[in-house]
Amino acid sequence: MAVPKKKTTHRKQAQRRAQNFRLAAPTLVECSQCGSPKLPHHVCPTCGYYAGRQVVSQEAAAAES
């Protein structure tokens, strides 16, 4: 079994581990009803529409937030 000749420095360890810690921006799509950005497969937070039909009423959305 291979054994490293020298100790790996903290910096090299951190550089190696940091490769998997990239934050990605969330994917946004345009709402077909009002045109505001929303998450895909979610109800639009501004108009309450999902898949072309109203799921949440405007009054309920305003009272919830």
N, C-alpha and C. Protein backbone atom coordinates (compact mmCIF):
# COMPACT_ATOMS: atom_id res chain seq x y z
N MET A 1 0.84 -1.18 0.00
CA MET A 1 0.00 0.00 0.00
C MET A 1 0.88 1.24 0.00
N ALA A 2 0.52 2.23 -0.81
CA ALA A 2 1.32 3.44 -0.92
C ALA A 2 1.12 4.33 0.29
N VAL A 3 2.22 4.91 0.75
CA VAL A 3 2.19 5.81 1.90
C VAL A 3 2.74 7.15 1.45
N PRO A 4 2.07 8.27 1.76
CA PRO A 4 2.59 9.57 1.36
C PRO A 4 3.91 9.89 2.05
N LYS A 5 4.81 10.53 1.31
CA LYS A 5 6.13 10.83 1.85
C LYS A 5 6.09 11.99 2.83
N LYS A 6 5.23 12.97 2.56
CA LYS A 6 5.13 14.14 3.43
C LYS A 6 3.68 14.38 3.83
N LYS A 7 3.51 15.09 4.93
CA LYS A 7 2.17 15.41 5.42
C LYS A 7 1.51 16.43 4.48
N THR A 8 0.24 16.23 4.19
CA THR A 8 -0.52 17.17 3.36
C THR A 8 -0.84 18.40 4.20
N THR A 9 -0.56 19.57 3.66
CA THR A 9 -0.80 20.80 4.40
C THR A 9 -2.29 21.08 4.50
N HIS A 10 -2.65 21.93 5.46
CA HIS A 10 -4.06 22.30 5.65
C HIS A 10 -4.60 23.00 4.40
N ARG A 11 -3.77 23.81 3.77
CA ARG A 11 -4.21 24.52 2.58
C ARG A 11 -4.54 23.56 1.45
N LYS A 12 -3.68 22.58 1.22
CA LYS A 12 -3.93 21.60 0.16
C LYS A 12 -5.18 20.77 0.46
N GLN A 13 -5.38 20.43 1.72
CA GLN A 13 -6.58 19.69 2.12
C GLN A 13 -7.83 20.52 1.81
N ALA A 14 -7.78 21.79 2.20
CA ALA A 14 -8.93 22.67 2.00
C ALA A 14 -9.21 22.87 0.51
N GLN A 15 -8.16 23.00 -0.30
CA GLN A 15 -8.36 23.17 -1.74
C GLN A 15 -9.01 21.94 -2.35
N ARG A 16 -8.59 20.77 -1.90
CA ARG A 16 -9.16 19.53 -2.42
C ARG A 16 -10.63 19.39 -2.02
N ARG A 17 -10.94 19.71 -0.78
CA ARG A 17 -12.31 19.55 -0.28
C ARG A 17 -13.25 20.62 -0.83
N ALA A 18 -12.71 21.79 -1.17
CA ALA A 18 -13.54 22.91 -1.62
C ALA A 18 -14.10 22.68 -3.02
N GLN A 19 -13.61 21.71 -3.75
CA GLN A 19 -14.09 21.46 -5.11
C GLN A 19 -15.56 21.07 -5.11
N ASN A 20 -16.04 20.42 -4.06
CA ASN A 20 -17.42 19.95 -4.01
C ASN A 20 -18.35 20.92 -3.31
N PHE A 21 -17.87 22.08 -2.92
CA PHE A 21 -18.67 23.03 -2.16
C PHE A 21 -18.96 24.27 -3.00
N ARG A 22 -19.58 24.05 -4.14
CA ARG A 22 -19.94 25.18 -4.99
C ARG A 22 -21.43 25.41 -4.86
N LEU A 23 -21.83 26.63 -4.61
CA LEU A 23 -23.24 26.97 -4.49
C LEU A 23 -23.78 27.35 -5.86
N ALA A 24 -24.86 26.72 -6.25
CA ALA A 24 -25.47 27.02 -7.54
C ALA A 24 -26.70 27.89 -7.32
N ALA A 25 -26.90 28.82 -8.22
CA ALA A 25 -28.08 29.67 -8.15
C ALA A 25 -29.31 28.83 -8.48
N PRO A 26 -30.43 29.08 -7.80
CA PRO A 26 -31.63 28.29 -8.09
C PRO A 26 -32.15 28.57 -9.51
N THR A 27 -32.66 27.54 -10.13
CA THR A 27 -33.22 27.67 -11.48
C THR A 27 -34.57 28.37 -11.38
N LEU A 28 -34.74 29.41 -12.16
CA LEU A 28 -36.00 30.15 -12.17
C LEU A 28 -36.61 30.10 -13.56
N VAL A 29 -37.92 29.98 -13.61
CA VAL A 29 -38.65 30.02 -14.87
C VAL A 29 -39.67 31.15 -14.79
N GLU A 30 -40.15 31.57 -15.94
CA GLU A 30 -41.13 32.65 -15.99
C GLU A 30 -42.54 32.08 -15.84
N CYS A 31 -43.31 32.69 -14.98
CA CYS A 31 -44.70 32.27 -14.79
C CYS A 31 -45.47 32.55 -16.08
N SER A 32 -46.25 31.56 -16.53
CA SER A 32 -46.99 31.72 -17.79
C SER A 32 -48.15 32.70 -17.64
N GLN A 33 -48.61 32.92 -16.42
CA GLN A 33 -49.76 33.79 -16.19
C GLN A 33 -49.34 35.26 -16.04
N CYS A 34 -48.42 35.52 -15.09
CA CYS A 34 -48.07 36.91 -14.78
C CYS A 34 -46.66 37.30 -15.24
N GLY A 35 -45.82 36.33 -15.58
CA GLY A 35 -44.49 36.64 -16.09
C GLY A 35 -43.43 36.85 -15.02
N SER A 36 -43.77 36.69 -13.74
CA SER A 36 -42.77 36.87 -12.69
C SER A 36 -41.94 35.59 -12.54
N PRO A 37 -40.70 35.70 -12.05
CA PRO A 37 -39.88 34.50 -11.89
C PRO A 37 -40.38 33.63 -10.74
N LYS A 38 -40.33 32.31 -10.96
CA LYS A 38 -40.76 31.36 -9.94
C LYS A 38 -39.95 30.09 -10.08
N LEU A 39 -39.96 29.24 -9.05
CA LEU A 39 -39.30 27.96 -9.12
C LEU A 39 -40.11 27.01 -9.99
N PRO A 40 -39.44 26.15 -10.77
CA PRO A 40 -40.21 25.22 -11.59
C PRO A 40 -40.96 24.21 -10.74
N HIS A 41 -42.14 23.80 -11.19
CA HIS A 41 -43.01 22.83 -10.49
C HIS A 41 -43.48 23.35 -9.14
N HIS A 42 -43.62 24.67 -9.00
CA HIS A 42 -44.13 25.29 -7.78
C HIS A 42 -45.23 26.27 -8.16
N VAL A 43 -46.11 26.55 -7.22
CA VAL A 43 -47.15 27.55 -7.43
C VAL A 43 -46.49 28.92 -7.46
N CYS A 44 -46.95 29.78 -8.36
CA CYS A 44 -46.40 31.13 -8.46
C CYS A 44 -46.75 31.90 -7.19
N PRO A 45 -45.77 32.50 -6.52
CA PRO A 45 -46.05 33.21 -5.27
C PRO A 45 -46.82 34.52 -5.47
N THR A 46 -46.78 35.10 -6.68
CA THR A 46 -47.45 36.38 -6.88
C THR A 46 -48.90 36.23 -7.33
N CYS A 47 -49.17 35.30 -8.24
CA CYS A 47 -50.54 35.19 -8.75
C CYS A 47 -51.27 33.93 -8.28
N GLY A 48 -50.55 32.92 -7.79
CA GLY A 48 -51.19 31.72 -7.27
C GLY A 48 -51.57 30.69 -8.32
N TYR A 49 -51.03 30.83 -9.53
CA TYR A 49 -51.36 29.90 -10.60
C TYR A 49 -50.33 28.78 -10.68
N TYR A 50 -50.78 27.59 -11.09
CA TYR A 50 -49.90 26.45 -11.34
C TYR A 50 -50.50 25.65 -12.49
N ALA A 51 -49.70 25.39 -13.50
CA ALA A 51 -50.10 24.61 -14.68
C ALA A 51 -51.34 25.21 -15.35
N GLY A 52 -51.43 26.55 -15.42
CA GLY A 52 -52.50 27.21 -16.14
C GLY A 52 -53.81 27.35 -15.39
N ARG A 53 -53.86 26.95 -14.12
CA ARG A 53 -55.10 27.13 -13.35
C ARG A 53 -54.77 27.71 -11.98
N GLN A 54 -55.72 28.43 -11.41
CA GLN A 54 -55.48 29.08 -10.13
C GLN A 54 -55.65 28.07 -9.01
N VAL A 55 -54.60 27.94 -8.19
CA VAL A 55 -54.59 26.97 -7.10
C VAL A 55 -54.76 27.68 -5.77
N VAL A 56 -54.12 28.84 -5.63
CA VAL A 56 -54.19 29.63 -4.40
C VAL A 56 -54.80 30.97 -4.74
N SER A 57 -55.80 31.40 -3.95
CA SER A 57 -56.43 32.69 -4.23
C SER A 57 -55.53 33.82 -3.73
N GLN A 58 -55.71 35.00 -4.29
CA GLN A 58 -54.90 36.17 -3.93
C GLN A 58 -55.08 36.52 -2.47
N GLU A 59 -56.30 36.43 -1.93
CA GLU A 59 -56.55 36.79 -0.54
C GLU A 59 -55.84 35.82 0.40
N ALA A 60 -55.85 34.54 0.08
CA ALA A 60 -55.19 33.54 0.92
C ALA A 60 -53.68 33.73 0.89
N ALA A 61 -53.15 34.09 -0.26
CA ALA A 61 -51.71 34.29 -0.38
C ALA A 61 -51.27 35.52 0.41
N ALA A 62 -52.07 36.59 0.39
CA ALA A 62 -51.75 37.81 1.13
C ALA A 62 -51.86 37.59 2.63
N ALA A 63 -52.85 36.82 3.06
CA ALA A 63 -53.04 36.56 4.49
C ALA A 63 -51.96 35.65 5.04
N GLU A 64 -51.45 34.76 4.19
CA GLU A 64 -50.42 33.80 4.65
C GLU A 64 -49.08 34.47 4.91
N SER A 65 -48.71 35.43 4.09
CA SER A 65 -47.40 36.09 4.25
C SER A 65 -47.46 37.33 5.08
